[in-house]
Amino acid sequence: MYVSEWENGRRTLSDRYAVILRQLLGVTDRELRGAPLASAPPMADGYDELLGRIDSASSVSQSMVKTFNDQTELLRTMDRQLGASGLVDQMTGHLARLEDALNFAVLPTARQPVALALAGAATLAAWQAIDSGAVERAWRHYELAKRAAHDAEAPMYLAHAMAEQAYVLCEAGRPSLGVDLVRDAQRTVGQAGSPRLRAWLYAAEAEMCAHAGMPDDCRRALDAALASIPPGSEDRDPDMLSIFLNGAHLARWHGNVLALLGDGDAVTSLYDALDVVDPTFVRAQAGLHTDLAQAHVARAEYDDAQTHLRQARLLASRTGSVRQRRRVDLLSARL
């Protein structure tokens, strides 16, 4: 009853219910209410207050930047285990604090560390928005991440944000444009990127090419990714903490791309990845079971496909992943 009255404008949505609905739906307050929020009072009504904000920003220490990064890491951990829908308010507030610190920082020595922290946080927020189905918010966050990476003079972070933004284009039905954007990201970073980032960019290119119906380009990019990934089980790059990628992760990605191509070898790669997947990556597990279902459908093994779809649907619901639930629904319609 309340929902109908809110939709028809007969009842005002209270702040109490807005908090509950934002967490359930994974949307911001602006997206939920469908109108701009009441404008805040002027932030600075004179030079004294402005200078106070500038002085405060210039005194942001390395320990404060570390606190920002620690908060991003906590939100990243919660996201991969619990999903993004319940983190919208926390993520929005975190980005606002980082933007505020950057907006009033004047000299590069003060701006660059904060800008780098903002680039990482905005990219995470954008991926969470993709997962929640909020594509416009995702696009805006990626634009923020790119601006921050420019400010930080961090080509690796810029290339990562560009390549992830290609997924918005792919989800919108423009995978060929996504291919172009990923390749532009590769040119942006050149040889300055770490081997792990280069492997990630090649794998992203392969996935875009698979969606765009470019199988030869896809396989060349996959080979390049496999040739670039550093050996060993370590998956974090000290210069690019936004990336989680090692040989096991790449095996799962390789299987996903082969499944998109309808290649029967995808099943072997995906089961190998399932054996070693980190159990804390709950949303990644949902994606892996969806990939397996897709691979079994390609081989007309429909009972196996149904088994993995059930598991994928359960995990996607657990994390509130709109993106994974959409994939599950599309595959279910083919059975």
Protein backbone atom coordinates (compact mmCIF):
# COMPACT_ATOMS: atom_id res chain seq x y z
CA MET A 1 0.00 0.00 0.00
CA TYR A 2 2.78 2.43 0.94
CA VAL A 3 4.61 1.67 -2.31
CA SER A 4 1.58 2.64 -4.40
CA GLU A 5 1.11 5.86 -2.44
CA TRP A 6 4.81 6.76 -2.80
CA GLU A 7 4.69 6.11 -6.54
CA ASN A 8 1.51 8.20 -6.99
CA GLY A 9 2.75 11.08 -4.85
CA ARG A 10 0.01 10.67 -2.23
CA ARG A 11 2.52 9.97 0.55
CA THR A 12 5.98 11.46 1.09
CA LEU A 13 8.80 8.95 1.38
CA SER A 14 10.24 9.36 4.86
CA ASP A 15 13.97 9.21 5.57
CA ARG A 16 13.43 6.06 7.64
CA TYR A 17 11.91 4.13 4.75
CA ALA A 18 14.36 5.67 2.28
CA VAL A 19 17.29 4.10 4.13
CA ILE A 20 15.63 0.67 4.01
CA LEU A 21 14.71 0.93 0.33
CA ARG A 22 18.18 2.17 -0.71
CA GLN A 23 19.75 -0.90 0.83
CA LEU A 24 17.18 -3.26 -0.69
CA LEU A 25 17.36 -1.78 -4.19
CA GLY A 26 21.01 -0.73 -4.27
CA VAL A 27 20.24 2.84 -5.36
CA THR A 28 21.27 6.30 -4.22
CA ASP A 29 18.88 8.69 -2.51
CA ARG A 30 18.69 10.79 -5.70
CA GLU A 31 17.81 7.72 -7.80
CA LEU A 32 15.23 6.52 -5.26
CA ARG A 33 13.34 9.78 -4.95
CA GLY A 34 13.59 10.59 -8.65
CA ALA A 35 14.33 14.25 -8.01
CA PRO A 36 17.31 16.38 -6.98
CA LEU A 37 17.89 16.54 -3.28
CA ALA A 38 17.29 19.82 -1.51
CA SER A 39 20.27 22.02 -2.21
CA ALA A 40 22.75 22.31 0.59
CA PRO A 41 23.59 25.71 2.05
CA PRO A 42 26.53 27.46 0.41
CA MET A 43 29.76 25.72 1.37
CA ALA A 44 31.82 28.89 1.60
CA ASP A 45 30.25 32.33 2.09
CA GLY A 46 33.51 34.26 2.32
CA TYR A 47 37.23 34.13 1.86
CA ASP A 48 37.94 33.16 5.47
CA GLU A 49 35.87 30.00 5.23
CA LEU A 50 37.29 29.18 1.80
CA LEU A 51 40.84 29.55 3.05
CA GLY A 52 39.96 27.41 6.03
CA ARG A 53 38.85 24.61 3.70
CA ILE A 54 42.02 24.98 1.63
CA ASP A 55 44.23 24.91 4.73
CA SER A 56 42.40 21.85 5.98
CA ALA A 57 42.84 20.04 2.66
CA SER A 58 46.54 20.93 2.48
CA SER A 59 47.09 19.35 5.88
CA VAL A 60 45.69 15.95 4.82
CA SER A 61 48.53 13.69 5.89
CA GLN A 62 49.69 10.36 4.55
CA SER A 63 47.97 8.71 7.52
CA MET A 64 44.67 10.29 6.43
CA VAL A 65 45.16 9.06 2.86
CA LYS A 66 45.86 5.61 4.29
CA THR A 67 42.58 5.83 6.21
CA PHE A 68 40.77 6.63 2.96
CA ASN A 69 42.40 3.64 1.26
CA ASP A 70 41.65 1.36 4.20
CA GLN A 71 37.99 2.37 3.98
CA THR A 72 37.97 1.56 0.26
CA GLU A 73 39.52 -1.83 0.99
CA LEU A 74 36.90 -2.57 3.65
CA LEU A 75 34.10 -1.68 1.23
CA ARG A 76 35.74 -3.85 -1.44
CA THR A 77 35.87 -6.83 0.95
CA MET A 78 32.24 -6.36 2.01
CA ASP A 79 31.19 -6.03 -1.63
CA ARG A 80 32.73 -9.29 -2.80
CA GLN A 81 31.29 -11.23 0.13
CA LEU A 82 27.90 -9.57 0.69
CA GLY A 83 27.19 -7.72 -2.55
CA ALA A 84 26.90 -4.06 -3.46
CA SER A 85 23.23 -3.28 -2.81
CA GLY A 86 23.63 -2.67 0.93
CA LEU A 87 26.71 -0.46 0.52
CA VAL A 88 25.27 2.41 -1.50
CA ASP A 89 25.09 4.92 1.35
CA GLN A 90 28.56 4.06 2.66
CA MET A 91 30.09 4.26 -0.80
CA THR A 92 28.36 7.55 -1.62
CA GLY A 93 29.58 9.13 1.60
CA HIS A 94 33.11 7.81 1.08
CA LEU A 95 33.32 9.30 -2.43
CA ALA A 96 31.92 12.63 -1.19
CA ARG A 97 34.61 12.90 1.50
CA LEU A 98 37.36 12.09 -1.01
CA GLU A 99 36.01 14.57 -3.57
CA ASP A 100 35.78 17.24 -0.91
CA ALA A 101 39.39 16.69 0.12
CA LEU A 102 40.50 16.86 -3.51
CA ASN A 103 38.41 19.91 -4.43
CA PHE A 104 40.16 22.09 -1.86
CA ALA A 105 43.68 20.72 -2.26
CA VAL A 106 45.80 23.22 -4.21
CA LEU A 107 49.34 21.94 -4.77
CA PRO A 108 50.21 18.65 -6.50
CA THR A 109 51.87 17.28 -3.38
CA ALA A 110 48.51 17.48 -1.61
CA ARG A 111 46.31 16.62 -4.60
CA GLN A 112 48.00 13.57 -6.05
CA PRO A 113 47.72 11.14 -3.10
CA VAL A 114 44.05 12.05 -2.57
CA ALA A 115 43.34 11.85 -6.31
CA LEU A 116 44.87 8.37 -6.45
CA ALA A 117 42.71 7.25 -3.53
CA LEU A 118 39.64 8.73 -5.25
CA ALA A 119 40.45 6.98 -8.54
CA GLY A 120 40.51 3.60 -6.82
CA ALA A 121 37.37 4.25 -4.80
CA ALA A 122 35.38 5.63 -7.76
CA THR A 123 36.27 2.61 -9.91
CA LEU A 124 35.05 0.30 -7.16
CA ALA A 125 31.84 2.33 -6.80
CA ALA A 126 31.30 2.15 -10.55
CA TRP A 127 31.64 -1.63 -10.65
CA GLN A 128 29.22 -1.90 -7.73
CA ALA A 129 26.76 0.25 -9.69
CA ILE A 130 27.07 -2.04 -12.73
CA ASP A 131 26.35 -5.01 -10.50
CA SER A 132 23.28 -3.23 -9.11
CA GLY A 133 21.99 -2.39 -12.60
CA ALA A 134 22.51 1.37 -12.14
CA VAL A 135 24.33 1.95 -15.42
CA GLU A 136 24.15 5.77 -15.50
CA ARG A 137 25.61 5.97 -12.00
CA ALA A 138 28.33 3.55 -13.10
CA TRP A 139 29.19 5.71 -16.08
CA ARG A 140 29.44 8.87 -13.97
CA HIS A 141 31.65 7.12 -11.41
CA TYR A 142 34.00 5.95 -14.17
CA GLU A 143 34.23 9.52 -15.47
CA LEU A 144 35.09 10.64 -11.93
CA ALA A 145 37.72 7.88 -11.67
CA LYS A 146 39.31 8.96 -14.97
CA ARG A 147 39.47 12.60 -13.91
CA ALA A 148 41.02 11.61 -10.60
CA ALA A 149 43.58 9.35 -12.33
CA HIS A 150 44.54 12.28 -14.60
CA ASP A 151 44.99 14.47 -11.50
CA ALA A 152 47.09 11.77 -9.85
CA GLU A 153 49.17 11.30 -13.01
CA ALA A 154 48.48 7.57 -12.69
CA PRO A 155 48.19 5.94 -16.15
CA MET A 156 47.57 2.48 -14.69
CA TYR A 157 44.50 3.68 -12.79
CA LEU A 158 43.32 5.60 -15.85
CA ALA A 159 43.65 2.53 -18.09
CA HIS A 160 41.83 0.35 -15.56
CA ALA A 161 38.91 2.79 -15.29
CA MET A 162 38.69 3.08 -19.09
CA ALA A 163 38.66 -0.69 -19.60
CA GLU A 164 36.05 -1.29 -16.89
CA GLN A 165 33.91 1.46 -18.41
CA ALA A 166 33.84 -0.67 -21.57
CA TYR A 167 31.62 -3.11 -19.64
CA VAL A 168 28.94 -0.42 -19.40
CA LEU A 169 29.01 -0.15 -23.19
CA CYS A 170 28.88 -3.93 -23.54
CA GLU A 171 25.94 -4.24 -21.14
CA ALA A 172 24.19 -1.51 -23.16
CA GLY A 173 24.59 -3.52 -26.36
CA ARG A 174 27.65 -1.75 -27.83
CA PRO A 175 30.45 -4.33 -27.42
CA SER A 176 32.32 -3.14 -30.53
CA LEU A 177 32.66 0.30 -28.95
CA GLY A 178 33.79 -1.48 -25.79
CA VAL A 179 36.55 -3.19 -27.78
CA ASP A 180 37.75 0.22 -29.01
CA LEU A 181 37.75 1.64 -25.49
CA VAL A 182 39.74 -1.27 -24.03
CA ARG A 183 42.31 -0.98 -26.81
CA ASP A 184 42.55 2.75 -26.17
CA ALA A 185 43.19 1.92 -22.51
CA GLN A 186 46.02 -0.40 -23.56
CA ARG A 187 47.57 2.39 -25.62
CA THR A 188 47.14 4.82 -22.72
CA VAL A 189 49.22 2.74 -20.32
CA GLY A 190 51.62 1.29 -22.91
CA GLN A 191 54.57 -0.49 -21.35
CA ALA A 192 54.20 1.53 -18.14
CA GLY A 193 51.61 -0.95 -16.88
CA SER A 194 52.53 -3.86 -14.67
CA PRO A 195 52.43 -7.37 -16.18
CA ARG A 196 49.33 -8.17 -14.09
CA LEU A 197 47.48 -5.11 -15.37
CA ARG A 198 48.48 -5.88 -18.96
CA ALA A 199 47.13 -9.42 -18.55
CA TRP A 200 43.89 -7.99 -17.14
CA LEU A 201 43.55 -5.59 -20.07
CA TYR A 202 44.13 -8.37 -22.61
CA ALA A 203 41.51 -10.56 -20.89
CA ALA A 204 39.03 -7.66 -20.89
CA GLU A 205 39.72 -7.15 -24.59
CA ALA A 206 39.10 -10.86 -25.23
CA GLU A 207 35.74 -10.70 -23.44
CA MET A 208 34.66 -7.60 -25.38
CA CYS A 209 35.73 -9.28 -28.66
CA ALA A 210 33.71 -12.40 -27.79
CA HIS A 211 30.60 -10.29 -27.25
CA ALA A 212 31.31 -8.36 -30.46
CA GLY A 213 31.54 -11.53 -32.58
CA MET A 214 35.29 -11.24 -33.20
CA PRO A 215 36.55 -14.79 -32.43
CA ASP A 216 40.02 -14.48 -33.99
CA ASP A 217 40.78 -11.22 -32.15
CA CYS A 218 39.35 -12.79 -29.01
CA ARG A 219 41.71 -15.78 -29.12
CA ARG A 220 44.73 -13.58 -29.83
CA ALA A 221 43.89 -11.44 -26.79
CA LEU A 222 43.44 -14.56 -24.64
CA ASP A 223 46.87 -15.83 -25.69
CA ALA A 224 48.38 -12.44 -24.85
CA ALA A 225 46.73 -12.49 -21.40
CA LEU A 226 48.07 -15.97 -20.64
CA ALA A 227 51.54 -14.90 -21.77
CA SER A 228 51.49 -11.77 -19.57
CA ILE A 229 50.19 -13.07 -16.23
CA PRO A 230 52.96 -13.38 -13.60
CA PRO A 231 53.50 -16.88 -12.15
CA GLY A 232 52.44 -17.84 -8.64
CA SER A 233 49.31 -17.53 -6.52
CA GLU A 234 49.65 -13.83 -5.63
CA ASP A 235 46.72 -11.88 -7.06
CA ARG A 236 47.30 -8.30 -5.84
CA ASP A 237 49.63 -5.85 -7.52
CA PRO A 238 51.18 -3.33 -5.10
CA ASP A 239 50.90 -0.67 -7.81
CA MET A 240 47.32 -1.55 -8.79
CA LEU A 241 45.31 -2.74 -5.78
CA SER A 242 42.07 -2.61 -7.75
CA ILE A 243 43.12 -5.71 -9.70
CA PHE A 244 42.65 -9.27 -8.44
CA LEU A 245 44.25 -11.59 -10.99
CA ASN A 246 46.45 -14.66 -10.94
CA GLY A 247 46.64 -17.83 -13.00
CA ALA A 248 43.59 -19.35 -11.28
CA HIS A 249 41.47 -16.23 -11.80
CA LEU A 250 42.60 -16.03 -15.40
CA ALA A 251 41.62 -19.67 -15.94
CA ARG A 252 38.08 -18.80 -14.89
CA TRP A 253 38.08 -15.75 -17.17
CA HIS A 254 39.51 -17.85 -20.02
CA GLY A 255 36.67 -20.35 -19.56
CA ASN A 256 34.09 -17.56 -19.47
CA VAL A 257 35.31 -16.17 -22.79
CA LEU A 258 35.43 -19.62 -24.40
CA ALA A 259 31.86 -20.19 -23.21
CA LEU A 260 30.80 -16.94 -24.89
CA LEU A 261 32.34 -18.27 -28.10
CA GLY A 262 30.48 -21.57 -27.70
CA ASP A 263 33.77 -23.46 -27.43
CA GLY A 264 33.42 -26.94 -25.91
CA ASP A 265 36.80 -26.60 -24.14
CA ALA A 266 35.28 -23.99 -21.84
CA VAL A 267 33.92 -26.66 -19.50
CA THR A 268 37.36 -27.99 -18.59
CA SER A 269 38.77 -24.53 -17.85
CA LEU A 270 35.76 -23.57 -15.76
CA TYR A 271 35.75 -26.73 -13.63
CA ASP A 272 39.47 -26.20 -13.00
CA ALA A 273 38.67 -22.66 -11.85
CA LEU A 274 35.82 -23.90 -9.64
CA ASP A 275 38.23 -26.18 -7.78
CA VAL A 276 40.46 -23.27 -6.72
CA VAL A 277 38.07 -20.31 -6.44
CA ASP A 278 38.43 -18.24 -3.27
CA PRO A 279 35.25 -18.88 -1.21
CA THR A 280 35.18 -15.24 -0.08
CA PHE A 281 34.57 -14.12 -3.69
CA VAL A 282 30.87 -14.93 -3.50
CA ARG A 283 29.77 -12.89 -6.52
CA ALA A 284 32.62 -14.35 -8.57
CA GLN A 285 31.34 -17.81 -7.68
CA ALA A 286 27.91 -16.83 -8.96
CA GLY A 287 29.51 -15.75 -12.22
CA LEU A 288 31.50 -18.97 -12.44
CA HIS A 289 28.39 -21.15 -12.06
CA THR A 290 26.65 -19.02 -14.68
CA ASP A 291 29.62 -19.51 -17.01
CA LEU A 292 29.43 -23.27 -16.46
CA ALA A 293 25.72 -23.25 -17.23
CA GLN A 294 26.40 -21.36 -20.45
CA ALA A 295 29.16 -23.82 -21.41
CA HIS A 296 26.88 -26.81 -20.78
CA VAL A 297 24.08 -25.20 -22.82
CA ALA A 298 26.53 -24.86 -25.72
CA ARG A 299 27.14 -28.62 -25.47
CA ALA A 300 23.40 -29.38 -25.13
CA GLU A 301 24.01 -30.75 -21.60
CA TYR A 302 20.87 -29.23 -20.16
CA ASP A 303 20.66 -31.12 -16.84
CA ASP A 304 24.16 -29.96 -15.90
CA ALA A 305 23.25 -26.45 -17.00
CA GLN A 306 20.19 -26.45 -14.73
CA THR A 307 22.30 -27.57 -11.77
CA HIS A 308 24.71 -24.68 -12.16
CA LEU A 309 21.94 -22.17 -12.83
CA ARG A 310 20.28 -23.06 -9.54
CA GLN A 311 23.55 -22.48 -7.69
CA ALA A 312 24.21 -19.26 -9.61
CA ARG A 313 20.72 -17.93 -8.84
CA LEU A 314 21.19 -18.68 -5.13
CA LEU A 315 24.54 -16.88 -4.96
CA ALA A 316 23.35 -13.96 -7.07
CA SER A 317 20.36 -13.49 -4.77
CA ARG A 318 22.64 -13.70 -1.75
CA THR A 319 24.74 -10.79 -3.04
CA GLY A 320 21.86 -8.90 -4.65
CA SER A 321 23.64 -8.95 -8.01
CA VAL A 322 21.23 -7.63 -10.65
CA ARG A 323 23.83 -8.24 -13.35
CA GLN A 324 24.28 -11.92 -12.50
CA ARG A 325 20.53 -12.48 -12.05
CA ARG A 326 19.99 -11.03 -15.53
CA ARG A 327 22.50 -13.51 -16.96
CA VAL A 328 20.80 -16.36 -15.12
CA ASP A 329 17.38 -15.35 -16.43
CA LEU A 330 18.61 -15.10 -20.04
CA LEU A 331 20.17 -18.57 -19.85
CA SER A 332 17.12 -20.05 -18.13
CA ALA A 333 14.98 -18.85 -21.02
CA ARG A 334 17.08 -20.98 -23.36
CA LEU A 335 16.38 -24.22 -21.48
